[in-house]
C-alpha cells in the first residue's frame, strides 16, 4: 500500500508540474518591437499580417519571422505599424 501511495503522489505532482507546460503550448507569445518600443502578441492574427507582408514584399513564404535579420525585422514592424490594428 505504501508503494502505491508514493506512485500515486508522483503521478499527481508530475501532472501538476506539467499542466502549465501543456496548456500554454498553444498560447500566444509576446514579441518586442524595439523600433517602436512596444510589444505584440504573436498569435494567429499576427501570423496573418506577417504572411501578408511576406507576399507584398516578395519574401520567402517559408521563412519564419525569427529567422529574419534585424533590417528585415525592422521593415516588417514599420509595415505592421502602418497596417491594421497594431497592439
Protein backbone atom coordinates (compact mmCIF):
# COMPACT_ATOMS: atom_id res chain seq x y z
CA UNK A 1 0.00 0.00 0.00
CA UNK A 2 2.85 2.36 0.79
CA UNK A 3 4.44 1.90 -2.65
CA UNK A 4 1.08 2.61 -4.30
CA UNK A 5 0.73 5.87 -2.34
CA UNK A 6 4.16 7.06 -3.44
CA UNK A 7 3.39 6.20 -7.05
CA UNK A 8 0.05 7.98 -6.89
CA UNK A 9 1.65 11.03 -5.28
CA UNK A 10 4.32 11.06 -8.01
CA UNK A 11 1.63 10.98 -10.70
CA UNK A 12 -0.26 13.91 -9.13
CA UNK A 13 2.86 16.03 -8.58
CA UNK A 14 4.08 15.34 -12.12
CA UNK A 15 0.68 16.25 -13.51
CA UNK A 16 0.62 19.48 -11.51
CA UNK A 17 4.05 20.46 -12.78
CA UNK A 18 3.39 19.54 -16.42
CA UNK A 19 -0.08 21.07 -16.76
CA UNK A 20 1.14 24.66 -17.28
CA UNK A 21 3.55 23.50 -19.97
CA UNK A 22 0.87 21.60 -21.84
CA UNK A 23 -1.84 24.25 -21.56
CA UNK A 24 0.37 27.14 -22.68
CA UNK A 25 1.80 25.31 -25.67
CA UNK A 26 -0.83 26.82 -27.97
CA UNK A 27 -0.90 30.21 -26.31
CA UNK A 28 0.39 33.37 -27.88
CA UNK A 29 3.76 34.77 -27.04
CA UNK A 30 4.81 38.36 -26.82
CA UNK A 31 7.29 39.79 -29.26
CA UNK A 32 9.07 43.05 -28.51
CA UNK A 33 9.29 45.57 -31.31
CA UNK A 34 12.43 47.55 -30.45
CA UNK A 35 11.87 50.03 -33.27
CA UNK A 36 8.52 51.24 -31.93
CA UNK A 37 9.13 50.30 -28.28
CA UNK A 38 6.08 48.11 -27.86
CA UNK A 39 5.03 44.50 -27.55
CA UNK A 40 2.88 42.45 -29.89
CA UNK A 41 1.07 39.22 -29.12
CA UNK A 42 2.20 36.82 -31.80
CA UNK A 43 -0.94 34.82 -32.40
CA UNK A 44 -2.82 33.66 -35.48
CA UNK A 45 -3.82 37.27 -36.26
CA UNK A 46 -0.21 38.44 -36.24
CA UNK A 47 0.70 35.45 -38.41
CA UNK A 48 -1.87 36.62 -40.98
CA UNK A 49 -0.28 40.09 -41.03
CA UNK A 50 3.17 38.57 -41.34
CA UNK A 51 2.07 36.40 -44.28
CA UNK A 52 0.53 39.46 -45.94
CA UNK A 53 3.83 41.31 -45.53
CA UNK A 54 5.71 38.32 -46.96
CA UNK A 55 3.52 38.30 -50.08
CA UNK A 56 3.53 42.07 -50.60
CA UNK A 57 7.32 42.24 -50.23
CA UNK A 58 8.10 39.11 -52.26
CA UNK A 59 9.78 37.30 -49.36
CA UNK A 60 10.28 33.58 -48.87
CA UNK A 61 6.88 32.37 -47.59
CA UNK A 62 8.51 29.59 -45.57
CA UNK A 63 10.87 31.84 -43.64
CA UNK A 64 9.96 32.34 -40.02
CA UNK A 65 10.00 35.87 -38.57
CA UNK A 66 12.67 34.83 -36.06
CA UNK A 67 14.99 33.96 -38.97
CA UNK A 68 14.83 37.46 -40.46
CA UNK A 69 17.84 39.68 -39.98
CA UNK A 70 17.45 42.88 -37.95
CA UNK A 71 16.91 45.06 -41.02
CA UNK A 72 14.13 42.78 -42.30
CA UNK A 73 12.51 42.70 -38.87
CA UNK A 74 12.55 46.49 -38.80
CA UNK A 75 10.94 46.57 -42.25
CA UNK A 76 8.22 44.24 -41.00
CA UNK A 77 7.47 46.32 -37.89
CA UNK A 78 7.44 49.56 -39.91
CA UNK A 79 4.99 47.96 -42.32
CA UNK A 80 2.97 46.47 -39.48
CA UNK A 81 2.50 49.80 -37.73
CA UNK A 82 1.07 51.22 -40.95
CA UNK A 83 -1.40 48.35 -41.44
CA UNK A 84 -4.30 47.20 -39.35
CA UNK A 85 -4.74 47.30 -35.63
CA UNK A 86 -1.34 47.25 -34.01
CA UNK A 87 -1.50 46.50 -30.33
